[in-house]
Structure formats: C-alpha cells, structure tokens
C-alpha atoms as a PDB file:
ATOM      1  CA  UNK A   1      26.063  21.790 -13.449  1.00  0.00           C
ATOM      2  CA  UNK A   2      28.076  20.585 -16.544  1.00  0.00           C
ATOM      3  CA  UNK A   3      27.390  16.999 -17.487  1.00  0.00           C
ATOM      4  CA  UNK A   4      31.266  15.977 -16.253  1.00  0.00           C
ATOM      5  CA  UNK A   5      30.870  17.599 -12.618  1.00  0.00           C
ATOM      6  CA  UNK A   6      29.841  15.304  -9.735  1.00  0.00           C
ATOM      7  CA  UNK A   7      27.834  17.502  -6.810  1.00  0.00           C
ATOM      8  CA  UNK A   8      27.309  16.527  -3.565  1.00  0.00           C
ATOM      9  CA  UNK A   9      23.800  16.407  -2.543  1.00  0.00           C
ATOM     10  CA  UNK A  10      23.405  18.946   0.278  1.00  0.00           C
ATOM     11  CA  UNK A  11      19.806  19.201   0.849  1.00  0.00           C
ATOM     12  CA  UNK A  12      18.590  18.571   4.581  1.00  0.00           C
ATOM     13  CA  UNK A  13      15.896  16.609   3.371  1.00  0.00           C
ATOM     14  CA  UNK A  14      17.563  14.050   1.038  1.00  0.00           C
ATOM     15  CA  UNK A  15      16.637  10.923   2.623  1.00  0.00           C
ATOM     16  CA  UNK A  16      19.062   9.311   5.541  1.00  0.00           C
ATOM     17  CA  UNK A  17      20.485   5.882   4.809  1.00  0.00           C
ATOM     18  CA  UNK A  18      19.788   5.942   0.880  1.00  0.00           C
ATOM     19  CA  UNK A  19      21.274   2.527  -0.566  1.00  0.00           C
ATOM     20  CA  UNK A  20      19.979   2.575  -4.173  1.00  0.00           C
ATOM     21  CA  UNK A  21      18.921   4.883  -7.123  1.00  0.00           C
ATOM     22  CA  UNK A  22      17.025   4.679 -10.432  1.00  0.00           C
ATOM     23  CA  UNK A  23      15.963   7.180 -12.900  1.00  0.00           C
ATOM     24  CA  UNK A  24      12.720   7.624 -14.566  1.00  0.00           C
ATOM     25  CA  UNK A  25      10.775  10.655 -16.353  1.00  0.00           C
ATOM     26  CA  UNK A  26      12.920  13.340 -14.795  1.00  0.00           C
ATOM     27  CA  UNK A  27      13.058  11.941 -11.275  1.00  0.00           C
ATOM     28  CA  UNK A  28      15.738  10.587  -9.007  1.00  0.00           C
ATOM     29  CA  UNK A  29      14.581   7.471  -6.851  1.00  0.00           C
ATOM     30  CA  UNK A  30      16.181   5.875  -3.817  1.00  0.00           C
ATOM     31  CA  UNK A  31      15.556   3.293  -1.418  1.00  0.00           C
ATOM     32  CA  UNK A  32      16.334   3.616   2.174  1.00  0.00           C
ATOM     33  CA  UNK A  33      18.364   1.312   4.227  1.00  0.00           C
ATOM     34  CA  UNK A  34      16.307  -1.093   6.136  1.00  0.00           C
ATOM     35  CA  UNK A  35      12.878   0.789   4.845  1.00  0.00           C
ATOM     36  CA  UNK A  36       9.636  -0.227   2.948  1.00  0.00           C
ATOM     37  CA  UNK A  37       9.929   3.307   1.507  1.00  0.00           C
ATOM     38  CA  UNK A  38      11.347   4.757  -1.769  1.00  0.00           C
ATOM     39  CA  UNK A  39      11.762   8.542  -2.377  1.00  0.00           C
ATOM     40  CA  UNK A  40      11.800  10.815  -5.804  1.00  0.00           C
ATOM     41  CA  UNK A  41      13.650  13.769  -5.978  1.00  0.00           C
ATOM     42  CA  UNK A  42      12.369  17.298  -7.075  1.00  0.00           C
ATOM     43  CA  UNK A  43      11.686  17.152 -11.328  1.00  0.00           C
ATOM     44  CA  UNK A  44      14.874  16.941 -13.334  1.00  0.00           C
ATOM     45  CA  UNK A  45      17.241  17.624  -9.938  1.00  0.00           C
ATOM     46  CA  UNK A  46      18.843  15.044  -8.245  1.00  0.00           C
ATOM     47  CA  UNK A  47      20.295  17.606  -5.582  1.00  0.00           C
ATOM     48  CA  UNK A  48      16.537  18.641  -4.657  1.00  0.00           C
ATOM     49  CA  UNK A  49      14.229  16.541  -1.836  1.00  0.00           C
ATOM     50  CA  UNK A  50      11.338  17.319  -0.857  1.00  0.00           C
ATOM     51  CA  UNK A  51      10.934  15.070   2.937  1.00  0.00           C
ATOM     52  CA  UNK A  52       6.509  14.705   1.841  1.00  0.00           C
ATOM     53  CA  UNK A  53       7.959  13.122  -1.576  1.00  0.00           C
ATOM     54  CA  UNK A  54       7.707   9.379  -0.490  1.00  0.00           C
ATOM     55  CA  UNK A  55       5.714   6.375  -1.207  1.00  0.00           C
ATOM     56  CA  UNK A  56       5.791   2.804   0.959  1.00  0.00           C
ATOM     57  CA  UNK A  57       5.786  -0.332  -1.004  1.00  0.00           C
ATOM     58  CA  UNK A  58       2.438  -1.423   1.287  1.00  0.00           C
ATOM     59  CA  UNK A  59       1.111  -4.453  -0.416  1.00  0.00           C
ATOM     60  CA  UNK A  60       3.213  -7.095   0.780  1.00  0.00           C
ATOM     61  CA  UNK A  61       5.433  -5.062   3.037  1.00  0.00           C
ATOM     62  CA  UNK A  62       9.016  -6.187   3.010  1.00  0.00           C
ATOM     63  CA  UNK A  63      12.252  -3.817   2.649  1.00  0.00           C
ATOM     64  CA  UNK A  64      13.514  -2.782  -0.322  1.00  0.00           C
ATOM     65  CA  UNK A  65      16.825  -3.429  -1.894  1.00  0.00           C
ATOM     66  CA  UNK A  66      16.372  -1.825  -4.779  1.00  0.00           C
ATOM     67  CA  UNK A  67      14.905  -0.226  -7.456  1.00  0.00           C
ATOM     68  CA  UNK A  68      15.470  -0.166 -11.582  1.00  0.00           C
ATOM     69  CA  UNK A  69      13.106   1.891 -14.185  1.00  0.00           C
ATOM     70  CA  UNK A  70      12.339  -0.086 -17.588  1.00  0.00           C
ATOM     71  CA  UNK A  71      10.075   0.976 -19.902  1.00  0.00           C
ATOM     72  CA  UNK A  72       8.480   3.950 -17.939  1.00  0.00           C
ATOM     73  CA  UNK A  73       7.482   1.108 -14.870  1.00  0.00           C
ATOM     74  CA  UNK A  74       9.411   1.391 -11.413  1.00  0.00           C
ATOM     75  CA  UNK A  75      10.163  -1.920 -10.137  1.00  0.00           C
ATOM     76  CA  UNK A  76      10.804  -1.811  -6.359  1.00  0.00           C
ATOM     77  CA  UNK A  77      12.277  -4.787  -5.017  1.00  0.00           C
ATOM     78  CA  UNK A  78      12.405  -6.615  -1.838  1.00  0.00           C
ATOM     79  CA  UNK A  79      13.364  -8.405   0.494  1.00  0.00           C
ATOM     80  CA  UNK A  80      11.034 -11.166  -0.725  1.00  0.00           C
ATOM     81  CA  UNK A  81       7.952  -9.464  -3.411  1.00  0.00           C
ATOM     82  CA  UNK A  82       8.363  -6.766  -6.157  1.00  0.00           C
ATOM     83  CA  UNK A  83       5.754  -3.662  -6.953  1.00  0.00           C
ATOM     84  CA  UNK A  84       5.137  -2.094 -10.187  1.00  0.00           C
ATOM     85  CA  UNK A  85       4.453   1.197 -10.432  1.00  0.00           C
ATOM     86  CA  UNK A  86       4.207   3.961 -13.062  1.00  0.00           C
ATOM     87  CA  UNK A  87       3.960   8.008 -13.043  1.00  0.00           C
ATOM     88  CA  UNK A  88       0.619   8.337 -13.044  1.00  0.00           C
ATOM     89  CA  UNK A  89       1.140  12.542 -12.923  1.00  0.00           C
ATOM     90  CA  UNK A  90      -0.319  12.934  -9.504  1.00  0.00           C
ATOM     91  CA  UNK A  91       0.829  14.795  -6.118  1.00  0.00           C
ATOM     92  CA  UNK A  92       2.993  12.420  -6.350  1.00  0.00           C
ATOM     93  CA  UNK A  93       3.163  10.927  -9.355  1.00  0.00           C
ATOM     94  CA  UNK A  94       3.660   7.177  -9.034  1.00  0.00           C
ATOM     95  CA  UNK A  95       0.984   4.727  -8.325  1.00  0.00           C
ATOM     96  CA  UNK A  96       1.321   0.932  -7.733  1.00  0.00           C
ATOM     97  CA  UNK A  97      -0.239  -1.216 -11.106  1.00  0.00           C
ATOM     98  CA  UNK A  98      -3.507  -2.897 -10.428  1.00  0.00           C
ATOM     99  CA  UNK A  99      -1.660  -6.251 -10.233  1.00  0.00           C
ATOM    100  CA  UNK A 100       1.609  -5.196  -9.991  1.00  0.00           C
ATOM    101  CA  UNK A 101       2.723  -7.494  -6.996  1.00  0.00           C
ATOM    102  CA  UNK A 102       5.356 -10.005  -8.091  1.00  0.00           C
ATOM    103  CA  UNK A 103       6.146 -12.922  -5.351  1.00  0.00           C
ATOM    104  CA  UNK A 104       9.586 -12.729  -5.888  1.00  0.00           C
ATOM    105  CA  UNK A 105      12.080 -10.378  -4.169  1.00  0.00           C
ATOM    106  CA  UNK A 106      16.121  -9.944  -4.069  1.00  0.00           C
ATOM    107  CA  UNK A 107      18.261 -12.137  -2.550  1.00  0.00           C
ATOM    108  CA  UNK A 108      21.177  -9.940  -3.644  1.00  0.00           C
ATOM    109  CA  UNK A 109      20.752  -5.591  -3.589  1.00  0.00           C
ATOM    110  CA  UNK A 110      23.393  -5.961  -6.845  1.00  0.00           C
ATOM    111  CA  UNK A 111      21.930  -8.926  -8.490  1.00  0.00           C
ATOM    112  CA  UNK A 112      19.468  -6.833 -11.045  1.00  0.00           C
ATOM    113  CA  UNK A 113      20.075  -6.280 -14.638  1.00  0.00           C
ATOM    114  CA  UNK A 114      17.782  -5.202 -17.405  1.00  0.00           C
ATOM    115  CA  UNK A 115      17.001  -5.146 -21.428  1.00  0.00           C
ATOM    116  CA  UNK A 116      15.134  -3.149 -23.550  1.00  0.00           C
ATOM    117  CA  UNK A 117      12.511  -5.740 -22.267  1.00  0.00           C
ATOM    118  CA  UNK A 118      12.805  -7.433 -19.061  1.00  0.00           C
ATOM    119  CA  UNK A 119      14.610  -7.569 -15.818  1.00  0.00           C
ATOM    120  CA  UNK A 120      16.492  -9.798 -14.157  1.00  0.00           C
ATOM    121  CA  UNK A 121      17.424 -10.478 -11.155  1.00  0.00           C
ATOM    122  CA  UNK A 122      18.436 -13.576  -8.552  1.00  0.00           C
ATOM    123  CA  UNK A 123      15.421 -14.467  -6.594  1.00  0.00           C
ATOM    124  CA  UNK A 124      13.953 -15.299  -3.623  1.00  0.00           C
ATOM    125  CA  UNK A 125      10.804 -15.335  -1.664  1.00  0.00           C
ATOM    126  CA  UNK A 126       9.325 -16.663   1.791  1.00  0.00           C
ATOM    127  CA  UNK A 127       9.814 -20.442   0.341  1.00  0.00           C
ATOM    128  CA  UNK A 128      13.533 -19.814  -0.224  1.00  0.00           C
ATOM    129  CA  UNK A 129      16.253 -18.264  -2.786  1.00  0.00           C
ATOM    130  CA  UNK A 130      18.508 -18.851  -5.451  1.00  0.00           C
ATOM    131  CA  UNK A 131      16.480 -18.636  -8.076  1.00  0.00           C
ATOM    132  CA  UNK A 132      17.858 -15.957 -11.678  1.00  0.00           C
ATOM    133  CA  UNK A 133      13.996 -14.991 -12.762  1.00  0.00           C
ATOM    134  CA  UNK A 134      13.146 -12.612 -15.733  1.00  0.00           C
ATOM    135  CA  UNK A 135       9.818 -10.099 -15.031  1.00  0.00           C
ATOM    136  CA  UNK A 136       8.260  -8.499 -18.220  1.00  0.00           C
ATOM    137  CA  UNK A 137       5.570  -5.910 -16.848  1.00  0.00           C
ATOM    138  CA  UNK A 138       3.575  -8.310 -14.548  1.00  0.00           C
ATOM    139  CA  UNK A 139       5.212 -11.553 -15.994  1.00  0.00           C
ATOM    140  CA  UNK A 140       7.232 -13.257 -13.895  1.00  0.00           C
ATOM    141  CA  UNK A 141       9.560 -16.376 -15.048  1.00  0.00           C
ATOM    142  CA  UNK A 142      12.190 -18.307 -13.713  1.00  0.00           C
ATOM    143  CA  UNK A 143      15.033 -18.852 -16.176  1.00  0.00           C
ATOM    144  CA  UNK A 144      17.390 -20.446 -13.859  1.00  0.00           C
ATOM    145  CA  UNK A 145      17.658 -24.436 -14.641  1.00  0.00           C
ATOM    146  CA  UNK A 146      17.516 -26.672 -11.721  1.00  0.00           C
ATOM    147  CA  UNK A 147      20.997 -28.151 -11.963  1.00  0.00           C
ATOM    148  CA  UNK A 148      21.808 -24.043 -11.094  1.00  0.00           C
ATOM    149  CA  UNK A 149      19.541 -23.919  -8.326  1.00  0.00           C
ATOM    150  CA  UNK A 150      21.309 -27.147  -6.984  1.00  0.00           C
ATOM    151  CA  UNK A 151      24.671 -25.572  -7.376  1.00  0.00           C
ATOM    152  CA  UNK A 152      23.465 -21.913  -5.794  1.00  0.00           C
ATOM    153  CA  UNK A 153      22.235 -23.821  -2.987  1.00  0.00           C
ATOM    154  CA  UNK A 154      25.798 -25.075  -2.173  1.00  0.00           C
ATOM    155  CA  UNK A 155      27.408 -21.511  -2.350  1.00  0.00           C
ATOM    156  CA  UNK A 156      28.270 -20.349   1.496  1.00  0.00           C
ATOM    157  CA  UNK A 157      27.044 -16.661   0.121  1.00  0.00           C
ATOM    158  CA  UNK A 158      25.188 -15.537  -2.377  1.00  0.00           C
ATOM    159  CA  UNK A 159      23.872 -12.231  -1.492  1.00  0.00           C
ATOM    160  CA  UNK A 160      27.050 -10.972  -2.428  1.00  0.00           C
ATOM    161  CA  UNK A 161      25.933 -11.408  -6.117  1.00  0.00           C
ATOM    162  CA  UNK A 162      26.274  -8.867  -8.455  1.00  0.00           C
ATOM    163  CA  UNK A 163      25.293  -8.872 -12.094  1.00  0.00           C
ATOM    164  CA  UNK A 164      24.429  -6.476 -15.516  1.00  0.00           C
ATOM    165  CA  UNK A 165      23.671  -7.005 -19.020  1.00  0.00           C
ATOM    166  CA  UNK A 166      24.900  -6.457 -22.344  1.00  0.00           C
ATOM    167  CA  UNK A 167      26.008  -6.686 -25.800  1.00  0.00           C
ATOM    168  CA  UNK A 168      27.918  -8.738 -28.222  1.00  0.00           C
ATOM    169  CA  UNK A 169      27.725 -10.388 -31.247  1.00  0.00           C
ATOM    170  CA  UNK A 170      24.320  -9.278 -31.689  1.00  0.00           C
ATOM    171  CA  UNK A 171      23.579 -11.725 -28.576  1.00  0.00           C
ATOM    172  CA  UNK A 172      22.341  -9.674 -25.286  1.00  0.00           C
ATOM    173  CA  UNK A 173      23.609 -11.503 -21.684  1.00  0.00           C
ATOM    174  CA  UNK A 174      22.911 -11.267 -18.090  1.00  0.00           C
ATOM    175  CA  UNK A 175      25.774 -12.164 -16.341  1.00  0.00           C
ATOM    176  CA  UNK A 176      26.162 -12.274 -12.590  1.00  0.00           C
ATOM    177  CA  UNK A 177      29.001 -12.954 -10.533  1.00  0.00           C
ATOM    178  CA  UNK A 178      28.803 -14.579  -6.681  1.00  0.00           C
ATOM    179  CA  UNK A 179      32.487 -13.559  -5.026  1.00  0.00           C
ATOM    180  CA  UNK A 180      32.708 -15.566  -1.948  1.00  0.00           C
ATOM    181  CA  UNK A 181      31.893 -18.647  -4.547  1.00  0.00           C
ATOM    182  CA  UNK A 182      34.176 -17.820  -7.033  1.00  0.00           C
ATOM    183  CA  UNK A 183      31.579 -18.182  -9.321  1.00  0.00           C
ATOM    184  CA  UNK A 184      30.032 -17.113 -12.193  1.00  0.00           C
ATOM    185  CA  UNK A 185      26.973 -17.580 -14.907  1.00  0.00           C
ATOM    186  CA  UNK A 186      25.646 -15.994 -18.419  1.00  0.00           C
ATOM    187  CA  UNK A 187      22.542 -16.489 -19.630  1.00  0.00           C
ATOM    188  CA  UNK A 188      22.254 -15.566 -23.317  1.00  0.00           C
ATOM    189  CA  UNK A 189      19.433 -13.458 -23.249  1.00  0.00           C
ATOM    190  CA  UNK A 190      18.911 -13.784 -27.072  1.00  0.00           C
ATOM    191  CA  UNK A 191      19.425 -17.808 -27.143  1.00  0.00           C
ATOM    192  CA  UNK A 192      17.153 -17.924 -23.946  1.00  0.00           C
END
C-alpha cells in the first residue's frame, strides 16, 4: 500500500491484545497485554503474521509492557526486568544476548524514549519504583537525582507517565510528563 494509507490488520494470526509496536530489520514487533510473549510480523509486511513467530522473555519472567529497537538491539521492557535480543537470522530470527538481562523494568508503559546511543525510561524493580534510567547495550545507569526520586515518590500515580526525546539548539532532551501529578521533568542528555 501507499505510504500515506492506513491499513487495517485483518490477519487472523495477528496477536490478540497487542499493546505496543516497534520495528527492526524489516519486522514489526508487538507485545501483548498480560503476556511474556512478543511477536514478529512476516518480513517487510506488517499486515501478515504467522502464529508460530513469537518468543518468550523468559530469563526472569514478567509481563512485557513495551519494546523498542536501538542500534539493531530489541529492548523488551517488562514489569521488573528488561531483556536484550538481536537478529541472528535463525528460524525465529531473534535471540537473547548472553548477558542481556537488565534488573530494571518499566513503571510506565509510555515512558520509553531513545537517542542514537541509549534508551531511557521510568524504571521499577522488585525493590521499588520511581527512577529514571538509561541503558546503552547491557550497561544501565540511574540518571534521576535523589531529589527527583523523592518528588516522584510523592506523586499519587506514576504509571501514567509519558515520555519522548527531542532535539533543540544542539541539545538532545528526554522529557517525561506525569499527567495525574501535573508535572513535567526534562533531562538534558547532551550535558548529562
């Protein structure tokens, strides 16, 4: 179809309860509500799906909330952990990184952003929530300050947070908004 045409996915094998979509190496990648599984489309066709083309984030199983692709790595963000997978060209083309388990999950599904080097999100783990982190490959770093984390702990809800990255005047920023708290924070990625 034309680039300016929206097409309904009518394939009966499209995953039920799909919640998020990303794209890498000519595959559309979707996660599904309340599931550890993630699915890929047929090559170069987001309208065609094969029921057997899925994998399970299983290293430290938790429900997947989102996925994002950066530098040919798929970050599968779960409730409490994040797994990294890459395309190795097998029957199911993606395989997990050997050391690709990050001990931080996603506190808010729509808080994920990226630049050319890192992925950013509002994190949680089994010990708590409310930190902003960045990951570059298998290296993860907390970038929120203690003062910011204290402020976040006072918000009645953080699960509704939404974020994105953008550039302005030579700087790249990660901006996160907390609708319930009516607060927005901006991190200057360029300065750190």
